[in-house]
Amino acid sequence: MSAPPRSASLRQAQWQPHVLALNAPSAYVPWLMEGGSLTARLKAHSNAFRVQCLHQRTEICLSDEAAVIGMHRPGRVLEREVLLRCDNTPAVFAHTVVPRSATATDWPLFSALGERSLGTTLFGDPLVRRGVLEFARLREGHPLARRARAALVGNGIAAPDAHILYARRCLYQRRQGTLLVTEVFLPAVLELIKTSTNKR
């Protein structure tokens, strides 16, 4: 079988079970490997943390998301995309998909999150089961890399010079529902310094 066209390979990501497979700069590793709430870690590295909701709507999931969330092929999901801002600087672009088969009983607060943190909701709910982390290098042509750059430009911020963005994803389950969160780390995250005024 011949190799896929280069343009197609740029739109895809190879998700890996171990962060070392990314060969990422060492400064990214603690962020990628964070075992607790990423929201809590970001809050501890800023004096003012906020969630900027870019959209929450029905979309077609990415091709590499379908099987993970229990779909036979890419189909319609509820999609949420946000920027996580530390002291008003976007540090993470987060992308979440929920199958439309999920009910309000499965994810009772998801539809009304607005600009509240999804991470705080997930880690504060004893019914939520967290899967294992997966890691990927996103090239410029990958849909999430393009969206992250567009979100920055749309907010008057220059897109990062880096040709590769580092990402992780994790599957969450609650009752019969699944939810997949992908977090794309923007270069600005490396400039964050743990604050002395915020220990959460």
N, C-alpha and C. Protein backbone atom coordinates (compact mmCIF):
# COMPACT_ATOMS: atom_id res chain seq x y z
N MET A 1 0.86 -1.20 0.00
CA MET A 1 0.00 0.00 0.00
C MET A 1 0.88 1.24 0.00
N SER A 2 0.56 2.19 -0.86
CA SER A 2 1.39 3.39 -0.95
C SER A 2 1.14 4.30 0.23
N ALA A 3 2.13 5.14 0.53
CA ALA A 3 2.01 6.08 1.64
C ALA A 3 0.98 7.14 1.31
N PRO A 4 0.26 7.68 2.32
CA PRO A 4 -0.72 8.73 2.05
C PRO A 4 -0.03 9.97 1.56
N PRO A 5 -0.72 10.81 0.77
CA PRO A 5 -0.12 12.06 0.31
C PRO A 5 0.36 12.89 1.49
N ARG A 6 1.43 13.63 1.27
CA ARG A 6 2.00 14.43 2.35
C ARG A 6 0.99 15.39 2.93
N SER A 7 0.13 15.98 2.06
CA SER A 7 -0.88 16.92 2.56
C SER A 7 -1.83 16.24 3.52
N ALA A 8 -2.13 14.94 3.25
CA ALA A 8 -3.02 14.21 4.16
C ALA A 8 -2.33 13.93 5.48
N SER A 9 -1.04 13.59 5.44
CA SER A 9 -0.32 13.27 6.68
C SER A 9 -0.21 14.49 7.58
N LEU A 10 -0.17 15.67 6.99
CA LEU A 10 -0.09 16.89 7.80
C LEU A 10 -1.40 17.15 8.54
N ARG A 11 -2.50 16.57 8.04
CA ARG A 11 -3.80 16.78 8.67
C ARG A 11 -4.11 15.74 9.74
N GLN A 12 -3.21 14.78 9.91
CA GLN A 12 -3.45 13.70 10.85
C GLN A 12 -2.42 13.74 11.96
N ALA A 13 -2.74 13.10 13.06
CA ALA A 13 -1.82 13.02 14.19
C ALA A 13 -1.67 11.57 14.60
N GLN A 14 -0.47 11.21 15.02
CA GLN A 14 -0.22 9.88 15.54
C GLN A 14 -0.25 9.97 17.07
N TRP A 15 -1.32 9.49 17.66
CA TRP A 15 -1.46 9.58 19.11
C TRP A 15 -0.65 8.48 19.77
N GLN A 16 0.15 8.86 20.75
CA GLN A 16 1.10 7.96 21.39
C GLN A 16 0.74 7.75 22.86
N PRO A 17 1.02 6.56 23.41
CA PRO A 17 0.69 6.30 24.81
C PRO A 17 1.71 6.85 25.80
N HIS A 18 2.86 7.31 25.30
CA HIS A 18 3.88 7.82 26.21
C HIS A 18 4.43 9.14 25.67
N VAL A 19 4.61 10.10 26.57
CA VAL A 19 5.05 11.43 26.18
C VAL A 19 6.44 11.43 25.55
N LEU A 20 7.29 10.48 25.90
CA LEU A 20 8.64 10.46 25.36
C LEU A 20 8.65 10.25 23.85
N ALA A 21 7.59 9.64 23.32
CA ALA A 21 7.51 9.41 21.89
C ALA A 21 7.40 10.71 21.10
N LEU A 22 7.05 11.81 21.76
CA LEU A 22 6.91 13.09 21.07
C LEU A 22 8.24 13.77 20.82
N ASN A 23 9.24 13.43 21.64
CA ASN A 23 10.51 14.13 21.58
C ASN A 23 10.28 15.64 21.75
N ALA A 24 9.41 15.99 22.66
CA ALA A 24 9.07 17.40 22.90
C ALA A 24 10.14 18.06 23.76
N PRO A 25 10.31 19.38 23.63
CA PRO A 25 11.21 20.09 24.54
C PRO A 25 10.85 19.78 25.99
N SER A 26 11.86 19.62 26.83
CA SER A 26 11.64 19.17 28.20
C SER A 26 10.70 20.08 28.98
N ALA A 27 10.65 21.37 28.64
CA ALA A 27 9.80 22.30 29.38
C ALA A 27 8.32 21.98 29.20
N TYR A 28 7.95 21.30 28.12
CA TYR A 28 6.55 20.94 27.90
C TYR A 28 6.13 19.72 28.72
N VAL A 29 7.08 18.88 29.06
CA VAL A 29 6.74 17.58 29.64
C VAL A 29 5.91 17.68 30.93
N PRO A 30 6.25 18.55 31.90
CA PRO A 30 5.41 18.64 33.10
C PRO A 30 3.96 19.03 32.79
N TRP A 31 3.77 19.87 31.78
CA TRP A 31 2.41 20.26 31.40
C TRP A 31 1.68 19.09 30.75
N LEU A 32 2.35 18.41 29.85
CA LEU A 32 1.74 17.27 29.17
C LEU A 32 1.41 16.15 30.13
N MET A 33 2.25 15.95 31.13
CA MET A 33 2.11 14.83 32.06
C MET A 33 1.26 15.14 33.28
N GLU A 34 0.76 16.36 33.43
CA GLU A 34 -0.02 16.73 34.60
C GLU A 34 -1.11 15.69 34.86
N GLY A 35 -1.05 15.07 36.03
CA GLY A 35 -1.99 14.00 36.34
C GLY A 35 -3.27 14.47 36.99
N GLY A 36 -3.27 15.68 37.50
CA GLY A 36 -4.47 16.23 38.12
C GLY A 36 -5.17 17.17 37.15
N SER A 37 -5.84 18.14 37.68
CA SER A 37 -6.58 19.10 36.88
C SER A 37 -5.63 20.10 36.23
N LEU A 38 -5.67 20.19 34.90
CA LEU A 38 -4.86 21.20 34.21
C LEU A 38 -5.31 22.60 34.61
N THR A 39 -6.61 22.76 34.81
CA THR A 39 -7.12 24.06 35.24
C THR A 39 -6.46 24.50 36.54
N ALA A 40 -6.35 23.57 37.49
CA ALA A 40 -5.73 23.91 38.77
C ALA A 40 -4.26 24.30 38.58
N ARG A 41 -3.57 23.60 37.69
CA ARG A 41 -2.16 23.93 37.44
C ARG A 41 -2.02 25.31 36.81
N LEU A 42 -2.90 25.61 35.86
CA LEU A 42 -2.86 26.94 35.22
C LEU A 42 -3.18 28.04 36.23
N LYS A 43 -4.15 27.78 37.10
CA LYS A 43 -4.48 28.77 38.13
C LYS A 43 -3.28 29.03 39.04
N ALA A 44 -2.52 27.98 39.32
CA ALA A 44 -1.36 28.13 40.20
C ALA A 44 -0.21 28.86 39.52
N HIS A 45 -0.31 29.06 38.21
CA HIS A 45 0.72 29.77 37.48
C HIS A 45 0.22 31.11 36.94
N SER A 46 -0.82 31.65 37.55
CA SER A 46 -1.33 32.95 37.11
C SER A 46 -2.07 33.62 38.25
N ASN A 47 -2.16 34.92 38.16
CA ASN A 47 -2.94 35.67 39.14
C ASN A 47 -4.40 35.79 38.73
N ALA A 48 -4.65 35.65 37.42
CA ALA A 48 -6.01 35.74 36.91
C ALA A 48 -6.18 34.70 35.81
N PHE A 49 -7.01 33.70 36.06
CA PHE A 49 -7.28 32.64 35.10
C PHE A 49 -8.71 32.78 34.61
N ARG A 50 -8.92 32.57 33.31
CA ARG A 50 -10.29 32.56 32.82
C ARG A 50 -10.41 31.68 31.58
N VAL A 51 -11.63 31.24 31.35
CA VAL A 51 -11.96 30.42 30.19
C VAL A 51 -12.67 31.31 29.18
N GLN A 52 -12.15 31.36 27.96
CA GLN A 52 -12.81 32.08 26.87
C GLN A 52 -13.44 31.06 25.94
N CYS A 53 -14.76 30.99 25.96
CA CYS A 53 -15.46 30.03 25.11
C CYS A 53 -15.52 30.56 23.68
N LEU A 54 -14.94 29.80 22.76
CA LEU A 54 -14.95 30.17 21.34
C LEU A 54 -16.26 29.73 20.68
N HIS A 55 -16.69 28.52 20.97
CA HIS A 55 -18.00 28.06 20.52
C HIS A 55 -18.36 26.75 21.20
N GLN A 56 -19.64 26.46 21.20
CA GLN A 56 -20.16 25.18 21.66
C GLN A 56 -21.36 24.88 20.77
N ARG A 57 -21.20 23.88 19.88
CA ARG A 57 -22.21 23.65 18.86
C ARG A 57 -22.07 22.24 18.29
N THR A 58 -23.00 21.85 17.45
CA THR A 58 -22.95 20.56 16.78
C THR A 58 -22.00 20.64 15.58
N GLU A 59 -21.08 19.68 15.51
CA GLU A 59 -20.11 19.61 14.42
C GLU A 59 -19.84 18.14 14.09
N ILE A 60 -19.07 17.89 13.04
CA ILE A 60 -18.60 16.55 12.71
C ILE A 60 -17.27 16.33 13.44
N CYS A 61 -17.14 15.23 14.16
CA CYS A 61 -15.89 14.99 14.89
C CYS A 61 -14.75 14.70 13.92
N LEU A 62 -13.54 14.82 14.39
CA LEU A 62 -12.36 14.51 13.58
C LEU A 62 -12.27 13.00 13.36
N SER A 63 -11.58 12.63 12.29
CA SER A 63 -11.53 11.21 11.91
C SER A 63 -10.89 10.35 13.00
N ASP A 64 -9.91 10.90 13.72
CA ASP A 64 -9.24 10.09 14.75
C ASP A 64 -9.94 10.14 16.10
N GLU A 65 -11.09 10.81 16.16
CA GLU A 65 -11.85 10.88 17.40
C GLU A 65 -13.00 9.88 17.45
N ALA A 66 -13.50 9.50 16.27
CA ALA A 66 -14.73 8.72 16.21
C ALA A 66 -14.65 7.43 17.02
N ALA A 67 -13.66 6.60 16.72
CA ALA A 67 -13.57 5.30 17.40
C ALA A 67 -13.35 5.47 18.90
N VAL A 68 -12.63 6.49 19.28
CA VAL A 68 -12.32 6.71 20.69
C VAL A 68 -13.59 6.96 21.50
N ILE A 69 -14.54 7.66 20.89
CA ILE A 69 -15.78 7.99 21.61
C ILE A 69 -16.91 7.03 21.28
N GLY A 70 -16.57 5.89 20.63
CA GLY A 70 -17.55 4.85 20.41
C GLY A 70 -18.40 4.98 19.16
N MET A 71 -17.90 5.74 18.15
CA MET A 71 -18.64 5.89 16.90
C MET A 71 -17.94 5.08 15.81
N HIS A 72 -18.73 4.49 14.90
CA HIS A 72 -18.17 3.67 13.83
C HIS A 72 -17.47 4.51 12.77
N ARG A 73 -17.92 5.74 12.62
CA ARG A 73 -17.33 6.65 11.63
C ARG A 73 -17.56 8.08 12.11
N PRO A 74 -16.80 9.05 11.57
CA PRO A 74 -17.02 10.44 11.99
C PRO A 74 -18.47 10.86 11.79
N GLY A 75 -19.03 11.43 12.83
CA GLY A 75 -20.42 11.87 12.77
C GLY A 75 -20.62 13.10 13.63
N ARG A 76 -21.87 13.48 13.77
CA ARG A 76 -22.18 14.70 14.50
C ARG A 76 -22.00 14.52 16.00
N VAL A 77 -21.35 15.49 16.60
CA VAL A 77 -21.11 15.52 18.04
C VAL A 77 -21.37 16.93 18.54
N LEU A 78 -21.48 17.05 19.83
CA LEU A 78 -21.48 18.38 20.44
C LEU A 78 -20.03 18.76 20.68
N GLU A 79 -19.61 19.86 20.10
CA GLU A 79 -18.20 20.27 20.17
C GLU A 79 -18.08 21.58 20.94
N ARG A 80 -17.09 21.64 21.80
CA ARG A 80 -16.80 22.85 22.58
C ARG A 80 -15.32 23.18 22.40
N GLU A 81 -15.02 24.42 22.08
CA GLU A 81 -13.63 24.86 21.96
C GLU A 81 -13.44 26.14 22.76
N VAL A 82 -12.35 26.18 23.52
CA VAL A 82 -12.08 27.32 24.39
C VAL A 82 -10.60 27.65 24.36
N LEU A 83 -10.29 28.86 24.79
CA LEU A 83 -8.93 29.25 25.12
C LEU A 83 -8.84 29.37 26.63
N LEU A 84 -7.82 28.76 27.21
CA LEU A 84 -7.56 28.92 28.64
C LEU A 84 -6.52 30.02 28.79
N ARG A 85 -6.93 31.10 29.46
CA ARG A 85 -6.08 32.29 29.54
C ARG A 85 -5.50 32.46 30.94
N CYS A 86 -4.22 32.74 30.99
CA CYS A 86 -3.54 33.05 32.24
C CYS A 86 -3.07 34.50 32.17
N ASP A 87 -3.59 35.34 33.08
CA ASP A 87 -3.28 36.77 33.05
C ASP A 87 -3.54 37.33 31.66
N ASN A 88 -4.64 36.89 31.08
CA ASN A 88 -5.18 37.31 29.79
C ASN A 88 -4.40 36.77 28.59
N THR A 89 -3.37 35.96 28.82
CA THR A 89 -2.61 35.38 27.71
C THR A 89 -3.08 33.96 27.46
N PRO A 90 -3.51 33.64 26.23
CA PRO A 90 -3.93 32.27 25.93
C PRO A 90 -2.75 31.30 26.09
N ALA A 91 -2.94 30.28 26.92
CA ALA A 91 -1.88 29.31 27.17
C ALA A 91 -2.23 27.93 26.62
N VAL A 92 -3.52 27.63 26.52
CA VAL A 92 -3.97 26.32 26.05
C VAL A 92 -5.22 26.51 25.20
N PHE A 93 -5.28 25.78 24.09
CA PHE A 93 -6.49 25.68 23.28
C PHE A 93 -7.09 24.31 23.58
N ALA A 94 -8.33 24.28 24.04
CA ALA A 94 -8.96 23.02 24.44
C ALA A 94 -10.15 22.72 23.54
N HIS A 95 -10.24 21.46 23.14
CA HIS A 95 -11.27 20.99 22.20
C HIS A 95 -11.93 19.77 22.83
N THR A 96 -13.25 19.81 22.96
CA THR A 96 -14.00 18.72 23.59
C THR A 96 -15.11 18.26 22.66
N VAL A 97 -15.28 16.93 22.56
CA VAL A 97 -16.39 16.39 21.79
C VAL A 97 -17.17 15.40 22.64
N VAL A 98 -18.49 15.45 22.50
CA VAL A 98 -19.42 14.56 23.21
C VAL A 98 -20.38 13.98 22.17
N PRO A 99 -20.49 12.65 22.09
CA PRO A 99 -21.46 12.05 21.15
C PRO A 99 -22.87 12.57 21.42
N ARG A 100 -23.64 12.72 20.38
CA ARG A 100 -25.01 13.21 20.54
C ARG A 100 -25.90 12.19 21.25
N SER A 101 -25.41 10.95 21.34
CA SER A 101 -26.17 9.93 22.06
C SER A 101 -26.13 10.14 23.57
N ALA A 102 -25.18 10.96 24.03
CA ALA A 102 -25.09 11.24 25.46
C ALA A 102 -26.32 12.02 25.90
N THR A 103 -26.74 11.78 27.13
CA THR A 103 -27.94 12.45 27.65
C THR A 103 -27.56 13.46 28.72
N ALA A 104 -28.54 14.24 29.11
CA ALA A 104 -28.32 15.21 30.18
C ALA A 104 -28.00 14.51 31.50
N THR A 105 -28.44 13.27 31.64
CA THR A 105 -28.10 12.50 32.84
C THR A 105 -26.62 12.13 32.84
N ASP A 106 -26.09 11.83 31.63
CA ASP A 106 -24.67 11.49 31.52
C ASP A 106 -23.79 12.70 31.86
N TRP A 107 -24.09 13.83 31.25
CA TRP A 107 -23.28 15.05 31.44
C TRP A 107 -24.21 16.21 31.77
N PRO A 108 -24.68 16.29 33.00
CA PRO A 108 -25.75 17.25 33.34
C PRO A 108 -25.37 18.72 33.22
N LEU A 109 -24.08 19.06 33.33
CA LEU A 109 -23.70 20.47 33.33
C LEU A 109 -23.07 20.92 32.02
N PHE A 110 -22.80 19.99 31.10
CA PHE A 110 -22.01 20.34 29.92
C PHE A 110 -22.67 21.41 29.06
N SER A 111 -23.96 21.29 28.82
CA SER A 111 -24.62 22.22 27.90
C SER A 111 -24.70 23.64 28.45
N ALA A 112 -24.51 23.80 29.75
CA ALA A 112 -24.65 25.13 30.37
C ALA A 112 -23.33 25.65 30.93
N LEU A 113 -22.21 25.13 30.45
CA LEU A 113 -20.92 25.55 31.02
C LEU A 113 -20.62 27.02 30.77
N GLY A 114 -20.92 27.49 29.57
CA GLY A 114 -20.56 28.87 29.25
C GLY A 114 -19.06 29.06 29.36
N GLU A 115 -18.63 30.00 30.19
CA GLU A 115 -17.20 30.26 30.35
C GLU A 115 -16.68 29.71 31.67
N ARG A 116 -17.37 28.71 32.17
CA ARG A 116 -16.85 27.99 33.34
C ARG A 116 -15.91 26.89 32.88
N SER A 117 -15.05 26.45 33.77
CA SER A 117 -14.05 25.45 33.44
C SER A 117 -14.65 24.05 33.40
N LEU A 118 -14.47 23.36 32.29
CA LEU A 118 -14.88 21.97 32.20
C LEU A 118 -14.05 21.10 33.13
N GLY A 119 -12.74 21.40 33.21
CA GLY A 119 -11.86 20.61 34.06
C GLY A 119 -12.29 20.60 35.51
N THR A 120 -12.71 21.73 36.02
CA THR A 120 -13.17 21.81 37.41
C THR A 120 -14.39 20.93 37.61
N THR A 121 -15.28 20.92 36.62
CA THR A 121 -16.48 20.08 36.69
C THR A 121 -16.12 18.61 36.68
N LEU A 122 -15.20 18.21 35.80
CA LEU A 122 -14.84 16.80 35.66
C LEU A 122 -14.16 16.27 36.92
N PHE A 123 -13.21 17.04 37.44
CA PHE A 123 -12.44 16.56 38.59
C PHE A 123 -13.21 16.68 39.89
N GLY A 124 -14.31 17.43 39.86
CA GLY A 124 -15.10 17.56 41.08
C GLY A 124 -16.26 16.60 41.16
N ASP A 125 -16.41 15.72 40.15
CA ASP A 125 -17.55 14.80 40.09
C ASP A 125 -17.07 13.38 40.35
N PRO A 126 -17.49 12.76 41.44
CA PRO A 126 -17.02 11.41 41.78
C PRO A 126 -17.50 10.33 40.80
N LEU A 127 -18.49 10.63 39.98
CA LEU A 127 -18.99 9.66 39.01
C LEU A 127 -18.15 9.61 37.73
N VAL A 128 -17.28 10.59 37.56
CA VAL A 128 -16.48 10.66 36.33
C VAL A 128 -15.28 9.73 36.43
N ARG A 129 -15.09 8.93 35.38
CA ARG A 129 -13.93 8.04 35.28
C ARG A 129 -13.01 8.58 34.20
N ARG A 130 -11.74 8.74 34.56
CA ARG A 130 -10.77 9.30 33.64
C ARG A 130 -9.94 8.19 32.99
N GLY A 131 -9.78 8.25 31.67
CA GLY A 131 -8.97 7.28 30.96
C GLY A 131 -7.50 7.66 30.99
N VAL A 132 -6.73 7.02 30.14
CA VAL A 132 -5.28 7.28 30.09
C VAL A 132 -5.00 8.42 29.13
N LEU A 133 -3.92 9.13 29.38
CA LEU A 133 -3.52 10.22 28.51
C LEU A 133 -2.87 9.67 27.25
N GLU A 134 -3.11 10.35 26.12
CA GLU A 134 -2.41 10.11 24.87
C GLU A 134 -1.79 11.43 24.42
N PHE A 135 -0.72 11.33 23.65
CA PHE A 135 0.05 12.53 23.29
C PHE A 135 0.32 12.56 21.79
N ALA A 136 0.42 13.78 21.24
CA ALA A 136 0.66 13.91 19.80
C ALA A 136 1.37 15.22 19.48
N ARG A 137 2.08 15.18 18.36
CA ARG A 137 2.64 16.38 17.75
C ARG A 137 1.67 16.80 16.64
N LEU A 138 1.20 18.03 16.70
CA LEU A 138 0.27 18.52 15.69
C LEU A 138 1.00 19.43 14.71
N ARG A 139 1.06 19.00 13.46
CA ARG A 139 1.67 19.84 12.43
C ARG A 139 0.72 20.97 12.05
N GLU A 140 1.23 21.93 11.30
CA GLU A 140 0.44 23.13 10.98
C GLU A 140 -0.86 22.79 10.24
N GLY A 141 -0.85 21.70 9.47
CA GLY A 141 -2.03 21.35 8.70
C GLY A 141 -3.10 20.61 9.48
N HIS A 142 -2.80 20.20 10.72
CA HIS A 142 -3.80 19.48 11.50
C HIS A 142 -4.95 20.41 11.86
N PRO A 143 -6.20 19.92 11.80
CA PRO A 143 -7.35 20.80 12.07
C PRO A 143 -7.26 21.54 13.40
N LEU A 144 -6.81 20.88 14.46
CA LEU A 144 -6.76 21.56 15.75
C LEU A 144 -5.63 22.59 15.81
N ALA A 145 -4.52 22.32 15.13
CA ALA A 145 -3.45 23.31 15.06
C ALA A 145 -3.94 24.55 14.31
N ARG A 146 -4.67 24.33 13.22
CA ARG A 146 -5.20 25.46 12.45
C ARG A 146 -6.20 26.26 13.28
N ARG A 147 -7.05 25.55 14.01
CA ARG A 147 -8.05 26.25 14.81
C ARG A 147 -7.41 27.03 15.96
N ALA A 148 -6.39 26.44 16.57
CA ALA A 148 -5.71 27.14 17.66
C ALA A 148 -5.07 28.42 17.15
N ARG A 149 -4.41 28.34 16.01
CA ARG A 149 -3.78 29.54 15.44
C ARG A 149 -4.83 30.58 15.05
N ALA A 150 -5.93 30.12 14.46
CA ALA A 150 -6.99 31.04 14.07
C ALA A 150 -7.61 31.72 15.28
N ALA A 151 -7.74 31.00 16.39
CA ALA A 151 -8.30 31.59 17.61
C ALA A 151 -7.41 32.70 18.13
N LEU A 152 -6.10 32.50 18.06
CA LEU A 152 -5.18 33.54 18.50
C LEU A 152 -5.27 34.76 17.60
N VAL A 153 -5.22 34.54 16.29
CA VAL A 153 -5.29 35.66 15.35
C VAL A 153 -6.61 36.40 15.50
N GLY A 154 -7.69 35.65 15.72
CA GLY A 154 -8.99 36.27 15.91
C GLY A 154 -9.07 37.13 17.15
N ASN A 155 -8.15 36.90 18.10
CA ASN A 155 -8.09 37.70 19.32
C ASN A 155 -6.97 38.73 19.27
N GLY A 156 -6.45 38.98 18.07
CA GLY A 156 -5.42 39.99 17.90
C GLY A 156 -4.05 39.58 18.39
N ILE A 157 -3.80 38.26 18.45
CA ILE A 157 -2.53 37.75 18.93
C ILE A 157 -1.83 37.03 17.78
N ALA A 158 -0.56 37.28 17.60
CA ALA A 158 0.17 36.65 16.52
C ALA A 158 0.22 35.14 16.71
N ALA A 159 0.03 34.40 15.62
CA ALA A 159 0.12 32.95 15.69
C ALA A 159 1.55 32.55 16.03
N PRO A 160 1.74 31.46 16.77
CA PRO A 160 3.09 31.05 17.16
C PRO A 160 3.94 30.68 15.96
N ASP A 161 5.24 30.95 16.07
CA ASP A 161 6.17 30.61 14.99
C ASP A 161 6.39 29.11 14.90
N ALA A 162 6.15 28.40 15.99
CA ALA A 162 6.43 26.96 16.02
C ALA A 162 5.61 26.23 14.97
N HIS A 163 6.26 25.33 14.23
CA HIS A 163 5.58 24.54 13.21
C HIS A 163 4.87 23.33 13.83
N ILE A 164 5.26 22.98 15.06
CA ILE A 164 4.66 21.86 15.76
C ILE A 164 4.04 22.36 17.06
N LEU A 165 2.80 21.94 17.33
CA LEU A 165 2.18 22.20 18.62
C LEU A 165 1.99 20.86 19.31
N TYR A 166 2.22 20.83 20.62
CA TYR A 166 2.15 19.59 21.38
C TYR A 166 0.79 19.50 22.06
N ALA A 167 0.21 18.30 22.02
CA ALA A 167 -1.15 18.12 22.52
C ALA A 167 -1.26 16.82 23.29
N ARG A 168 -2.28 16.77 24.10
CA ARG A 168 -2.64 15.54 24.80
C ARG A 168 -4.15 15.42 24.76
N ARG A 169 -4.64 14.20 24.94
CA ARG A 169 -6.08 14.00 25.00
C ARG A 169 -6.41 12.90 26.01
N CYS A 170 -7.64 12.93 26.49
CA CYS A 170 -8.05 11.97 27.50
C CYS A 170 -9.56 11.73 27.35
N LEU A 171 -9.95 10.48 27.48
CA LEU A 171 -11.36 10.11 27.42
C LEU A 171 -11.93 10.05 28.83
N TYR A 172 -13.08 10.68 29.02
CA TYR A 172 -13.78 10.64 30.30
C TYR A 172 -15.11 9.92 30.10
N GLN A 173 -15.53 9.20 31.14
CA GLN A 173 -16.81 8.49 31.10
C GLN A 173 -17.62 8.83 32.35
N ARG A 174 -18.92 8.99 32.14
CA ARG A 174 -19.83 9.23 33.26
C ARG A 174 -21.14 8.53 32.93
N ARG A 175 -21.55 7.62 33.76
CA ARG A 175 -22.72 6.77 33.47
C ARG A 175 -22.51 6.10 32.12
N GLN A 176 -23.38 6.36 31.15
CA GLN A 176 -23.25 5.74 29.83
C GLN A 176 -22.59 6.67 28.82
N GLY A 177 -22.20 7.85 29.25
CA GLY A 177 -21.68 8.85 28.33
C GLY A 177 -20.17 8.89 28.26
N THR A 178 -19.65 9.28 27.10
CA THR A 178 -18.22 9.51 26.93
C THR A 178 -17.98 10.95 26.50
N LEU A 179 -16.80 11.43 26.77
CA LEU A 179 -16.43 12.80 26.49
C LEU A 179 -14.92 12.81 26.26
N LEU A 180 -14.46 13.36 25.15
CA LEU A 180 -13.04 13.38 24.81
C LEU A 180 -12.53 14.81 24.85
N VAL A 181 -11.51 15.04 25.66
CA VAL A 181 -10.91 16.37 25.79
C VAL A 181 -9.51 16.34 25.20
N THR A 182 -9.24 17.25 24.27
CA THR A 182 -7.91 17.42 23.70
C THR A 182 -7.41 18.81 24.07
N GLU A 183 -6.21 18.86 24.62
CA GLU A 183 -5.60 20.13 25.05
C GLU A 183 -4.35 20.38 24.23
N VAL A 184 -4.33 21.51 23.53
CA VAL A 184 -3.21 21.90 22.70
C VAL A 184 -2.44 23.00 23.43
N PHE A 185 -1.18 22.72 23.73
CA PHE A 185 -0.39 23.66 24.52
C PHE A 185 0.26 24.70 23.61
N LEU A 186 -0.06 25.93 23.86
CA LEU A 186 0.50 27.04 23.09
C LEU A 186 1.86 27.42 23.69
N PRO A 187 2.79 27.93 22.87
CA PRO A 187 4.13 28.25 23.40
C PRO A 187 4.12 29.16 24.62
N ALA A 188 3.09 30.00 24.76
CA ALA A 188 3.02 30.91 25.90
C ALA A 188 2.97 30.18 27.23
N VAL A 189 2.56 28.89 27.22
CA VAL A 189 2.47 28.16 28.48
C VAL A 189 3.86 28.02 29.12
N LEU A 190 4.90 28.04 28.31
CA LEU A 190 6.26 27.87 28.83
C LEU A 190 6.74 29.11 29.58
N GLU A 191 6.06 30.23 29.39
CA GLU A 191 6.46 31.46 30.04
C GLU A 191 5.78 31.66 31.39
N LEU A 192 4.86 30.76 31.74
CA LEU A 192 4.14 30.89 33.00
C LEU A 192 5.04 30.51 34.17
N ILE A 193 4.94 31.27 35.22
CA ILE A 193 5.73 31.03 36.43
C ILE A 193 4.76 30.83 37.59
N LYS A 194 5.03 29.83 38.39
CA LYS A 194 4.16 29.55 39.54
C LYS A 194 4.08 30.77 40.43
N THR A 195 2.89 31.19 40.77
CA THR A 195 2.70 32.39 41.58
C THR A 195 2.72 32.07 43.06
N SER A 196 3.02 33.06 43.84
CA SER A 196 3.01 32.88 45.29
C SER A 196 1.68 33.25 45.90
N THR A 197 0.81 33.89 45.09
CA THR A 197 -0.47 34.36 45.61
C THR A 197 -1.60 33.38 45.31
N ASN A 198 -1.33 32.37 44.48
CA ASN A 198 -2.38 31.43 44.11
C ASN A 198 -1.85 30.02 44.26
N LYS A 199 -2.27 29.36 45.31
CA LYS A 199 -1.76 28.03 45.62
C LYS A 199 -2.76 26.92 45.30
N ARG A 200 -3.88 27.23 44.62
CA ARG A 200 -4.90 26.22 44.36
C ARG A 200 -4.40 25.19 43.37
